[in-house]
Amino acid sequence: MLNAQHHNFVGLFGGIDFKIINALELMSEYDGLHSNCGLRLKLFDHISLLGGFLQYKYLSGGAAVNFQL
């Protein structure tokens, strides 16, 4: 039994993404309670920008730099 204050992923959950063009992805997921959606834009093969809506109400975003060692 989990004694966590918040229980994530209780019930059915999953996600899907569609690559619209080579550098742009549309994403959607269901976490067992809420649906979320977002876009990912990949620039120069190393930079990713992410924007999304949590529960289709709250704006979120992020950025990442990727490289191989």
PDB file of N, CA and C in Angstrom:
ATOM      1  N   MET A   1       0.839  -1.183   0.000  1.00  0.00           N
ATOM      2  CA  MET A   1       0.000   0.000   0.000  1.00  0.00           C
ATOM      3  C   MET A   1       0.882   1.244   0.000  1.00  0.00           C
ATOM      4  N   LEU A   2       0.512   2.220  -0.823  1.00  0.00           N
ATOM      5  CA  LEU A   2       1.247   3.480  -0.874  1.00  0.00           C
ATOM      6  C   LEU A   2       0.738   4.438   0.201  1.00  0.00           C
ATOM      7  N   ASN A   3       1.657   5.031   0.923  1.00  0.00           N
ATOM      8  CA  ASN A   3       1.284   6.013   1.928  1.00  0.00           C
ATOM      9  C   ASN A   3       1.603   7.428   1.465  1.00  0.00           C
ATOM     10  N   ALA A   4       1.647   7.632   0.170  1.00  0.00           N
ATOM     11  CA  ALA A   4       1.955   8.951  -0.384  1.00  0.00           C
ATOM     12  C   ALA A   4       0.739   9.865  -0.241  1.00  0.00           C
ATOM     13  N   GLN A   5       1.008  11.165  -0.136  1.00  0.00           N
ATOM     14  CA  GLN A   5      -0.077  12.136  -0.026  1.00  0.00           C
ATOM     15  C   GLN A   5      -0.904  12.178  -1.314  1.00  0.00           C
ATOM     16  N   HIS A   6      -0.239  12.068  -2.453  1.00  0.00           N
ATOM     17  CA  HIS A   6      -0.914  12.089  -3.745  1.00  0.00           C
ATOM     18  C   HIS A   6      -0.591  10.796  -4.479  1.00  0.00           C
ATOM     19  N   HIS A   7      -1.584  10.160  -5.003  1.00  0.00           N
ATOM     20  CA  HIS A   7      -1.396   8.923  -5.748  1.00  0.00           C
ATOM     21  C   HIS A   7      -1.514   9.226  -7.233  1.00  0.00           C
ATOM     22  N   ASN A   8      -0.435   9.047  -7.964  1.00  0.00           N
ATOM     23  CA  ASN A   8      -0.440   9.254  -9.402  1.00  0.00           C
ATOM     24  C   ASN A   8      -0.603   7.933 -10.116  1.00  0.00           C
ATOM     25  N   PHE A   9      -1.148   7.975 -11.292  1.00  0.00           N
ATOM     26  CA  PHE A   9      -1.293   6.808 -12.154  1.00  0.00           C
ATOM     27  C   PHE A   9      -2.145   5.723 -11.518  1.00  0.00           C
ATOM     28  N   VAL A  10      -3.251   6.115 -10.914  1.00  0.00           N
ATOM     29  CA  VAL A  10      -4.223   5.161 -10.388  1.00  0.00           C
ATOM     30  C   VAL A  10      -5.280   4.983 -11.464  1.00  0.00           C
ATOM     31  N   GLY A  11      -5.425   3.787 -11.969  1.00  0.00           N
ATOM     32  CA  GLY A  11      -6.374   3.536 -13.041  1.00  0.00           C
ATOM     33  C   GLY A  11      -5.690   3.532 -14.393  1.00  0.00           C
ATOM     34  N   LEU A  12      -6.484   3.654 -15.424  1.00  0.00           N
ATOM     35  CA  LEU A  12      -5.997   3.636 -16.797  1.00  0.00           C
ATOM     36  C   LEU A  12      -5.265   4.937 -17.115  1.00  0.00           C
ATOM     37  N   PHE A  13      -4.071   4.854 -17.721  1.00  0.00           N
ATOM     38  CA  PHE A  13      -3.333   6.048 -18.124  1.00  0.00           C
ATOM     39  C   PHE A  13      -2.544   5.739 -19.386  1.00  0.00           C
ATOM     40  N   GLY A  14      -2.181   6.803 -20.111  1.00  0.00           N
ATOM     41  CA  GLY A  14      -1.405   6.615 -21.330  1.00  0.00           C
ATOM     42  C   GLY A  14      -1.291   7.914 -22.099  1.00  0.00           C
ATOM     43  N   GLY A  15      -0.588   7.852 -23.214  1.00  0.00           N
ATOM     44  CA  GLY A  15      -0.392   9.040 -24.019  1.00  0.00           C
ATOM     45  C   GLY A  15      -0.117   8.693 -25.467  1.00  0.00           C
ATOM     46  N   ILE A  16      -0.161   9.717 -26.304  1.00  0.00           N
ATOM     47  CA  ILE A  16       0.078   9.558 -27.722  1.00  0.00           C
ATOM     48  C   ILE A  16       0.735  10.838 -28.236  1.00  0.00           C
ATOM     49  N   ASP A  17       1.567  10.685 -29.263  1.00  0.00           N
ATOM     50  CA  ASP A  17       2.131  11.873 -29.890  1.00  0.00           C
ATOM     51  C   ASP A  17       2.136  11.693 -31.402  1.00  0.00           C
ATOM     52  N   PHE A  18       2.016  12.814 -32.091  1.00  0.00           N
ATOM     53  CA  PHE A  18       2.011  12.847 -33.548  1.00  0.00           C
ATOM     54  C   PHE A  18       3.114  13.781 -34.006  1.00  0.00           C
ATOM     55  N   LYS A  19       3.960  13.293 -34.886  1.00  0.00           N
ATOM     56  CA  LYS A  19       4.996  14.134 -35.473  1.00  0.00           C
ATOM     57  C   LYS A  19       4.382  14.822 -36.683  1.00  0.00           C
ATOM     58  N   ILE A  20       4.132  16.124 -36.555  1.00  0.00           N
ATOM     59  CA  ILE A  20       3.493  16.892 -37.615  1.00  0.00           C
ATOM     60  C   ILE A  20       4.478  17.132 -38.751  1.00  0.00           C
ATOM     61  N   ILE A  21       5.621  17.663 -38.420  1.00  0.00           N
ATOM     62  CA  ILE A  21       6.746  17.778 -39.344  1.00  0.00           C
ATOM     63  C   ILE A  21       7.954  17.243 -38.590  1.00  0.00           C
ATOM     64  N   ASN A  22       9.098  17.208 -39.212  1.00  0.00           N
ATOM     65  CA  ASN A  22      10.275  16.593 -38.597  1.00  0.00           C
ATOM     66  C   ASN A  22      10.644  17.225 -37.256  1.00  0.00           C
ATOM     67  N   ALA A  23      10.372  18.509 -37.066  1.00  0.00           N
ATOM     68  CA  ALA A  23      10.803  19.197 -35.855  1.00  0.00           C
ATOM     69  C   ALA A  23       9.667  19.541 -34.902  1.00  0.00           C
ATOM     70  N   LEU A  24       8.428  19.124 -35.185  1.00  0.00           N
ATOM     71  CA  LEU A  24       7.281  19.519 -34.367  1.00  0.00           C
ATOM     72  C   LEU A  24       6.430  18.312 -34.014  1.00  0.00           C
ATOM     73  N   GLU A  25       6.159  18.142 -32.709  1.00  0.00           N
ATOM     74  CA  GLU A  25       5.329  17.035 -32.228  1.00  0.00           C
ATOM     75  C   GLU A  25       4.149  17.577 -31.443  1.00  0.00           C
ATOM     76  N   LEU A  26       3.003  16.975 -31.629  1.00  0.00           N
ATOM     77  CA  LEU A  26       1.805  17.259 -30.854  1.00  0.00           C
ATOM     78  C   LEU A  26       1.594  16.081 -29.909  1.00  0.00           C
ATOM     79  N   MET A  27       1.416  16.372 -28.613  1.00  0.00           N
ATOM     80  CA  MET A  27       1.315  15.311 -27.612  1.00  0.00           C
ATOM     81  C   MET A  27       0.034  15.449 -26.807  1.00  0.00           C
ATOM     82  N   SER A  28      -0.486  14.323 -26.352  1.00  0.00           N
ATOM     83  CA  SER A  28      -1.645  14.307 -25.473  1.00  0.00           C
ATOM     84  C   SER A  28      -1.499  13.117 -24.535  1.00  0.00           C
ATOM     85  N   GLU A  29      -1.964  13.274 -23.298  1.00  0.00           N
ATOM     86  CA  GLU A  29      -1.880  12.177 -22.329  1.00  0.00           C
ATOM     87  C   GLU A  29      -3.036  12.235 -21.354  1.00  0.00           C
ATOM     88  N   TYR A  30      -3.307  11.100 -20.763  1.00  0.00           N
ATOM     89  CA  TYR A  30      -4.290  10.970 -19.698  1.00  0.00           C
ATOM     90  C   TYR A  30      -3.578  10.302 -18.535  1.00  0.00           C
ATOM     91  N   ASP A  31      -3.579  10.932 -17.357  1.00  0.00           N
ATOM     92  CA  ASP A  31      -2.804  10.427 -16.224  1.00  0.00           C
ATOM     93  C   ASP A  31      -3.631   9.651 -15.204  1.00  0.00           C
ATOM     94  N   GLY A  32      -4.814   9.247 -15.570  1.00  0.00           N
ATOM     95  CA  GLY A  32      -5.678   8.522 -14.646  1.00  0.00           C
ATOM     96  C   GLY A  32      -6.737   9.417 -14.037  1.00  0.00           C
ATOM     97  N   LEU A  33      -6.484  10.727 -14.017  1.00  0.00           N
ATOM     98  CA  LEU A  33      -7.447  11.699 -13.494  1.00  0.00           C
ATOM     99  C   LEU A  33      -7.706  12.840 -14.467  1.00  0.00           C
ATOM    100  N   HIS A  34      -6.668  13.303 -15.147  1.00  0.00           N
ATOM    101  CA  HIS A  34      -6.766  14.496 -15.984  1.00  0.00           C
ATOM    102  C   HIS A  34      -6.119  14.263 -17.342  1.00  0.00           C
ATOM    103  N   SER A  35      -6.550  15.062 -18.319  1.00  0.00           N
ATOM    104  CA  SER A  35      -5.939  15.061 -19.642  1.00  0.00           C
ATOM    105  C   SER A  35      -5.021  16.264 -19.777  1.00  0.00           C
ATOM    106  N   ASN A  36      -3.927  16.075 -20.494  1.00  0.00           N
ATOM    107  CA  ASN A  36      -2.954  17.131 -20.730  1.00  0.00           C
ATOM    108  C   ASN A  36      -2.584  17.117 -22.207  1.00  0.00           C
ATOM    109  N   CYS A  37      -2.116  18.264 -22.724  1.00  0.00           N
ATOM    110  CA  CYS A  37      -1.688  18.328 -24.113  1.00  0.00           C
ATOM    111  C   CYS A  37      -0.487  19.253 -24.226  1.00  0.00           C
ATOM    112  N   GLY A  38       0.263  19.117 -25.316  1.00  0.00           N
ATOM    113  CA  GLY A  38       1.423  19.973 -25.490  1.00  0.00           C
ATOM    114  C   GLY A  38       2.026  19.874 -26.870  1.00  0.00           C
ATOM    115  N   LEU A  39       2.986  20.754 -27.111  1.00  0.00           N
ATOM    116  CA  LEU A  39       3.764  20.783 -28.348  1.00  0.00           C
ATOM    117  C   LEU A  39       5.241  20.747 -28.002  1.00  0.00           C
ATOM    118  N   ARG A  40       6.011  20.029 -28.811  1.00  0.00           N
ATOM    119  CA  ARG A  40       7.469  20.019 -28.663  1.00  0.00           C
ATOM    120  C   ARG A  40       8.085  20.453 -29.982  1.00  0.00           C
ATOM    121  N   LEU A  41       8.956  21.441 -29.912  1.00  0.00           N
ATOM    122  CA  LEU A  41       9.654  21.959 -31.082  1.00  0.00           C
ATOM    123  C   LEU A  41      11.133  21.666 -30.914  1.00  0.00           C
ATOM    124  N   LYS A  42      11.723  20.968 -31.879  1.00  0.00           N
ATOM    125  CA  LYS A  42      13.144  20.622 -31.820  1.00  0.00           C
ATOM    126  C   LYS A  42      13.911  21.519 -32.789  1.00  0.00           C
ATOM    127  N   LEU A  43      14.915  22.216 -32.268  1.00  0.00           N
ATOM    128  CA  LEU A  43      15.706  23.158 -33.056  1.00  0.00           C
ATOM    129  C   LEU A  43      17.149  22.695 -33.143  1.00  0.00           C
ATOM    130  N   PHE A  44      17.716  22.712 -34.333  1.00  0.00           N
ATOM    131  CA  PHE A  44      19.141  22.442 -34.552  1.00  0.00           C
ATOM    132  C   PHE A  44      19.599  21.088 -34.013  1.00  0.00           C
ATOM    133  N   ASP A  45      18.717  20.107 -33.900  1.00  0.00           N
ATOM    134  CA  ASP A  45      19.025  18.759 -33.409  1.00  0.00           C
ATOM    135  C   ASP A  45      19.543  18.712 -31.973  1.00  0.00           C
ATOM    136  N   HIS A  46      19.592  19.816 -31.263  1.00  0.00           N
ATOM    137  CA  HIS A  46      20.118  19.816 -29.894  1.00  0.00           C
ATOM    138  C   HIS A  46      19.230  20.550 -28.896  1.00  0.00           C
ATOM    139  N   ILE A  47      18.331  21.383 -29.339  1.00  0.00           N
ATOM    140  CA  ILE A  47      17.509  22.202 -28.439  1.00  0.00           C
ATOM    141  C   ILE A  47      16.051  21.796 -28.606  1.00  0.00           C
ATOM    142  N   SER A  48      15.366  21.538 -27.493  1.00  0.00           N
ATOM    143  CA  SER A  48      13.944  21.216 -27.505  1.00  0.00           C
ATOM    144  C   SER A  48      13.194  22.228 -26.666  1.00  0.00           C
ATOM    145  N   LEU A  49      12.118  22.771 -27.217  1.00  0.00           N
ATOM    146  CA  LEU A  49      11.228  23.674 -26.496  1.00  0.00           C
ATOM    147  C   LEU A  49       9.888  22.972 -26.346  1.00  0.00           C
ATOM    148  N   LEU A  50       9.318  23.031 -25.136  1.00  0.00           N
ATOM    149  CA  LEU A  50       8.083  22.328 -24.834  1.00  0.00           C
ATOM    150  C   LEU A  50       7.086  23.313 -24.250  1.00  0.00           C
ATOM    151  N   GLY A  51       5.871  23.274 -24.736  1.00  0.00           N
ATOM    152  CA  GLY A  51       4.773  24.064 -24.182  1.00  0.00           C
ATOM    153  C   GLY A  51       3.555  23.185 -24.071  1.00  0.00           C
ATOM    154  N   GLY A  52       2.799  23.366 -22.994  1.00  0.00           N
ATOM    155  CA  GLY A  52       1.633  22.516 -22.824  1.00  0.00           C
ATOM    156  C   GLY A  52       0.604  23.103 -21.891  1.00  0.00           C
ATOM    157  N   PHE A  53      -0.530  22.423 -21.834  1.00  0.00           N
ATOM    158  CA  PHE A  53      -1.600  22.788 -20.930  1.00  0.00           C
ATOM    159  C   PHE A  53      -1.904  21.594 -20.029  1.00  0.00           C
ATOM    160  N   LEU A  54      -1.707  21.769 -18.735  1.00  0.00           N
ATOM    161  CA  LEU A  54      -2.056  20.751 -17.754  1.00  0.00           C
ATOM    162  C   LEU A  54      -3.539  20.868 -17.472  1.00  0.00           C
ATOM    163  N   GLN A  55      -4.259  19.789 -17.578  1.00  0.00           N
ATOM    164  CA  GLN A  55      -5.705  19.727 -17.412  1.00  0.00           C
ATOM    165  C   GLN A  55      -6.407  20.693 -18.362  1.00  0.00           C
ATOM    166  N   TYR A  56      -5.752  21.068 -19.449  1.00  0.00           N
ATOM    167  CA  TYR A  56      -6.267  22.016 -20.437  1.00  0.00           C
ATOM    168  C   TYR A  56      -6.574  23.383 -19.815  1.00  0.00           C
ATOM    169  N   LYS A  57      -5.975  23.686 -18.637  1.00  0.00           N
ATOM    170  CA  LYS A  57      -6.207  24.960 -17.958  1.00  0.00           C
ATOM    171  C   LYS A  57      -4.926  25.699 -17.634  1.00  0.00           C
ATOM    172  N   TYR A  58      -3.887  24.983 -17.220  1.00  0.00           N
ATOM    173  CA  TYR A  58      -2.672  25.607 -16.696  1.00  0.00           C
ATOM    174  C   TYR A  58      -1.537  25.490 -17.710  1.00  0.00           C
ATOM    175  N   LEU A  59      -0.934  26.618 -18.037  1.00  0.00           N
ATOM    176  CA  LEU A  59       0.162  26.657 -18.993  1.00  0.00           C
ATOM    177  C   LEU A  59       1.449  26.158 -18.339  1.00  0.00           C
ATOM    178  N   SER A  60       2.188  25.343 -19.058  1.00  0.00           N
ATOM    179  CA  SER A  60       3.488  24.882 -18.581  1.00  0.00           C
ATOM    180  C   SER A  60       4.463  24.903 -19.751  1.00  0.00           C
ATOM    181  N   GLY A  61       5.735  24.858 -19.451  1.00  0.00           N
ATOM    182  CA  GLY A  61       6.717  24.874 -20.516  1.00  0.00           C
ATOM    183  C   GLY A  61       8.085  24.468 -20.015  1.00  0.00           C
ATOM    184  N   GLY A  62       8.989  24.279 -20.939  1.00  0.00           N
ATOM    185  CA  GLY A  62      10.342  23.902 -20.578  1.00  0.00           C
ATOM    186  C   GLY A  62      11.247  23.949 -21.786  1.00  0.00           C
ATOM    187  N   ALA A  63      12.514  23.828 -21.525  1.00  0.00           N
ATOM    188  CA  ALA A  63      13.530  23.804 -22.563  1.00  0.00           C
ATOM    189  C   ALA A  63      14.599  22.799 -22.168  1.00  0.00           C
ATOM    190  N   ALA A  64      15.218  22.180 -23.172  1.00  0.00           N
ATOM    191  CA  ALA A  64      16.272  21.202 -22.914  1.00  0.00           C
ATOM    192  C   ALA A  64      17.337  21.297 -23.992  1.00  0.00           C
ATOM    193  N   VAL A  65      18.558  20.982 -23.603  1.00  0.00           N
ATOM    194  CA  VAL A  65      19.679  20.877 -24.532  1.00  0.00           C
ATOM    195  C   VAL A  65      20.153  19.432 -24.493  1.00  0.00           C
ATOM    196  N   ASN A  66      20.244  18.796 -25.664  1.00  0.00           N
ATOM    197  CA  ASN A  66      20.630  17.391 -25.758  1.00  0.00           C
ATOM    198  C   ASN A  66      21.897  17.250 -26.571  1.00  0.00           C
ATOM    199  N   PHE A  67      22.823  16.421 -26.088  1.00  0.00           N
ATOM    200  CA  PHE A  67      24.020  16.119 -26.836  1.00  0.00           C
ATOM    201  C   PHE A  67      24.567  14.775 -26.392  1.00  0.00           C
ATOM    202  N   GLN A  68      25.329  14.135 -27.255  1.00  0.00           N
ATOM    203  CA  GLN A  68      25.936  12.839 -26.949  1.00  0.00           C
ATOM    204  C   GLN A  68      27.363  13.057 -26.466  1.00  0.00           C
ATOM    205  N   LEU A  69      27.750  12.260 -25.488  1.00  0.00           N
ATOM    206  CA  LEU A  69      29.139  12.325 -24.998  1.00  0.00           C
ATOM    207  C   LEU A  69      30.016  11.401 -25.788  1.00  0.00           C
TER     208      LEU A  69
END
